[in-house]
Amino acid sequence: MKRLNKKASLFDIIFIIIVLVFFSMVVLIGLNIAQRFNTQIQGMADIPAEGKTATDAAINNYTGVINGGFLFLVIGMMIATLVLAALVLVHPIFIPIYFIEWIITIIIGGIASNMYQSMATDINLETTANSLPILYFVLGYLPIIVGVMGIILMVIMYKTASWAQ
């Protein structure tokens, strides 16, 4: 049976980009639908005041939980990537190849950031995006975060291998 070794690399950062953008788009659309649903509920005379208060409180709690959860997701995935990178021993001669891949990863991060920002600035989703400031901040600065994360990953992966001899 073939043994698969999990090693951290720039592909982990690309995975993080994809997860963050997908999660943020789903959250943005889901919260927008929930807010529209809440607006309809608030306008109905048949629903008691307790129900209206409960749906309004649920929407307000949802934004706070999603903001905190998103930050936890970002930090957790980055720490996991760094821990996995510490387990990898790569010869420093491969740094130029890593550097080229790192630039491509930053470009992918920029594209993903632009995708989210164009969706968040849509007239139908703008107020919803403004209620999620951590999400908007992280995805707005995603290329910079990816760049810094790539440098830290490079330092950890390409540490001197003199102890391995």
Protein backbone atom coordinates (compact mmCIF):
# COMPACT_ATOMS: atom_id res chain seq x y z
CA MET A 1 0.00 0.00 0.00
CA LYS A 2 1.30 3.42 -0.91
CA ARG A 3 2.00 5.71 2.02
CA LEU A 4 0.97 9.32 1.56
CA ASN A 5 2.94 11.92 3.46
CA LYS A 6 1.25 15.23 4.20
CA LYS A 7 3.69 18.04 3.64
CA ALA A 8 2.94 21.74 3.80
CA SER A 9 3.57 23.81 0.72
CA LEU A 10 2.17 26.69 -1.25
CA PHE A 11 -0.66 24.41 -2.33
CA ASP A 12 -1.90 24.59 1.25
CA ILE A 13 -2.07 28.37 0.93
CA ILE A 14 -3.99 28.03 -2.34
CA PHE A 15 -6.35 25.65 -0.53
CA ILE A 16 -6.78 28.26 2.23
CA ILE A 17 -7.59 30.92 -0.40
CA ILE A 18 -10.23 28.72 -2.01
CA VAL A 19 -11.82 27.78 1.34
CA LEU A 20 -11.91 31.39 2.55
CA VAL A 21 -13.42 32.79 -0.64
CA PHE A 22 -16.00 30.00 -0.92
CA PHE A 23 -16.94 30.34 2.76
CA SER A 24 -17.23 34.11 2.52
CA MET A 25 -19.42 34.01 -0.58
CA VAL A 26 -21.74 31.43 0.97
CA VAL A 27 -21.95 33.49 4.17
CA LEU A 28 -22.57 36.71 2.26
CA ILE A 29 -25.39 35.24 0.19
CA GLY A 30 -26.85 33.35 3.16
CA LEU A 31 -26.86 36.42 5.39
CA ASN A 32 -28.41 38.51 2.63
CA ILE A 33 -31.23 35.98 2.25
CA ALA A 34 -31.71 35.87 6.03
CA GLN A 35 -31.87 39.65 6.25
CA ARG A 36 -34.45 39.83 3.47
CA PHE A 37 -36.43 37.09 5.18
CA ASN A 38 -36.24 39.03 8.46
CA THR A 39 -37.48 42.19 6.73
CA GLN A 40 -40.51 40.28 5.45
CA ILE A 41 -41.18 38.84 8.90
CA GLN A 42 -40.99 42.26 10.54
CA GLY A 43 -43.66 43.52 8.12
CA MET A 44 -46.17 40.73 8.81
CA ALA A 45 -48.98 41.51 11.22
CA ASP A 46 -49.77 37.82 11.90
CA ILE A 47 -46.44 37.14 13.61
CA PRO A 48 -46.29 38.00 17.33
CA ALA A 49 -43.76 40.50 18.69
CA GLU A 50 -41.76 37.70 20.37
CA GLY A 51 -41.21 36.03 17.00
CA LYS A 52 -40.11 39.28 15.39
CA THR A 53 -37.71 39.97 18.24
CA ALA A 54 -36.31 36.43 18.07
CA THR A 55 -35.61 36.57 14.32
CA ASP A 56 -34.01 40.00 14.65
CA ALA A 57 -31.81 38.76 17.51
CA ALA A 58 -30.83 35.66 15.51
CA ILE A 59 -29.67 37.79 12.57
CA ASN A 60 -27.68 40.09 14.85
CA ASN A 61 -26.04 37.15 16.65
CA TYR A 62 -25.31 35.43 13.33
CA THR A 63 -23.13 38.30 12.10
CA GLY A 64 -21.04 38.32 15.27
CA VAL A 65 -20.60 34.57 15.31
CA ILE A 66 -19.66 34.44 11.64
CA ASN A 67 -17.11 37.25 12.05
CA GLY A 68 -15.45 35.49 14.97
CA GLY A 69 -15.70 32.09 13.34
CA PHE A 70 -14.12 33.36 10.15
CA LEU A 71 -11.18 34.83 12.06
CA PHE A 72 -10.81 31.54 13.95
CA LEU A 73 -10.88 29.65 10.62
CA VAL A 74 -8.20 31.87 9.07
CA ILE A 75 -5.84 31.70 12.04
CA GLY A 76 -6.41 27.98 12.56
CA MET A 77 -5.70 27.04 8.97
CA MET A 78 -2.57 29.19 8.91
CA ILE A 79 -1.24 27.68 12.14
CA ALA A 80 -1.90 24.19 10.76
CA THR A 81 0.01 25.08 7.61
CA LEU A 82 2.98 26.35 9.61
CA VAL A 83 3.01 23.25 11.82
CA LEU A 84 2.97 21.02 8.75
CA ALA A 85 5.74 23.11 7.19
CA ALA A 86 7.94 22.51 10.23
CA LEU A 87 7.74 18.78 9.53
CA VAL A 88 9.17 19.18 6.03
CA LEU A 89 12.87 19.26 5.28
CA VAL A 90 13.60 20.79 1.87
CA HIS A 91 17.00 21.70 0.49
CA PRO A 92 17.50 25.46 0.08
CA ILE A 93 18.45 25.04 -3.58
CA PHE A 94 14.73 24.95 -4.38
CA ILE A 95 14.10 28.51 -3.11
CA PRO A 96 13.99 30.05 -6.65
CA ILE A 97 11.26 27.60 -7.66
CA TYR A 98 9.39 28.37 -4.45
CA PHE A 99 9.73 32.10 -5.10
CA ILE A 100 8.13 31.76 -8.56
CA GLU A 101 5.30 29.67 -7.12
CA TRP A 102 4.92 32.23 -4.31
CA ILE A 103 4.38 35.04 -6.83
CA ILE A 104 1.77 32.95 -8.65
CA THR A 105 0.04 32.27 -5.32
CA ILE A 106 -0.08 36.01 -4.55
CA ILE A 107 -1.66 36.61 -7.96
CA ILE A 108 -4.26 33.91 -7.22
CA GLY A 109 -4.90 35.59 -3.87
CA GLY A 110 -5.41 38.92 -5.66
CA ILE A 111 -7.87 37.37 -8.08
CA ALA A 112 -9.80 35.78 -5.21
CA SER A 113 -9.81 39.07 -3.31
CA ASN A 114 -11.14 40.92 -6.36
CA MET A 115 -13.85 38.29 -6.80
CA TYR A 116 -15.09 38.81 -3.26
CA GLN A 117 -14.81 42.60 -3.40
CA SER A 118 -16.76 42.81 -6.64
CA MET A 119 -19.45 40.64 -5.08
CA ALA A 120 -19.43 42.63 -1.82
CA THR A 121 -19.76 45.98 -3.59
CA ASP A 122 -22.81 44.84 -5.55
CA ILE A 123 -25.75 47.07 -4.77
CA ASN A 124 -27.80 44.13 -3.44
CA LEU A 125 -25.06 42.80 -1.15
CA GLU A 126 -23.27 45.95 -0.01
CA THR A 127 -25.13 46.46 3.26
CA THR A 128 -24.74 42.79 4.09
CA ALA A 129 -21.00 42.93 3.42
CA ASN A 130 -20.67 46.01 5.63
CA SER A 131 -22.14 44.04 8.54
CA LEU A 132 -19.24 41.54 8.29
CA PRO A 133 -16.14 43.74 8.84
CA ILE A 134 -13.63 40.98 9.68
CA LEU A 135 -14.58 39.01 6.59
CA TYR A 136 -14.31 42.11 4.41
CA PHE A 137 -10.95 43.10 5.93
CA VAL A 138 -9.31 39.68 5.60
CA LEU A 139 -10.46 39.19 2.02
CA GLY A 140 -9.61 42.78 1.11
CA TYR A 141 -6.01 42.24 2.21
CA LEU A 142 -5.80 38.62 1.08
CA PRO A 143 -2.83 39.11 -1.31
CA ILE A 144 -0.80 40.75 1.47
CA ILE A 145 -1.77 38.04 3.95
CA VAL A 146 -0.85 35.35 1.41
CA GLY A 147 2.47 37.06 0.70
CA VAL A 148 3.44 37.28 4.36
CA MET A 149 2.27 33.73 4.98
CA GLY A 150 4.33 32.53 2.01
CA ILE A 151 7.48 34.20 3.34
CA ILE A 152 6.98 32.67 6.79
CA LEU A 153 6.31 29.30 5.17
CA MET A 154 9.50 29.63 3.11
CA VAL A 155 11.59 30.39 6.19
CA ILE A 156 10.17 27.42 8.04
CA MET A 157 10.45 24.98 5.12
CA TYR A 158 13.90 25.96 3.93
CA LYS A 159 15.60 26.16 7.28
CA THR A 160 19.19 25.04 7.30
CA ALA A 161 19.47 21.30 7.09
CA SER A 162 22.85 20.92 8.81
CA TRP A 163 21.26 19.04 11.72
CA ALA A 164 19.88 16.39 9.33
CA GLN A 165 23.32 15.07 8.32
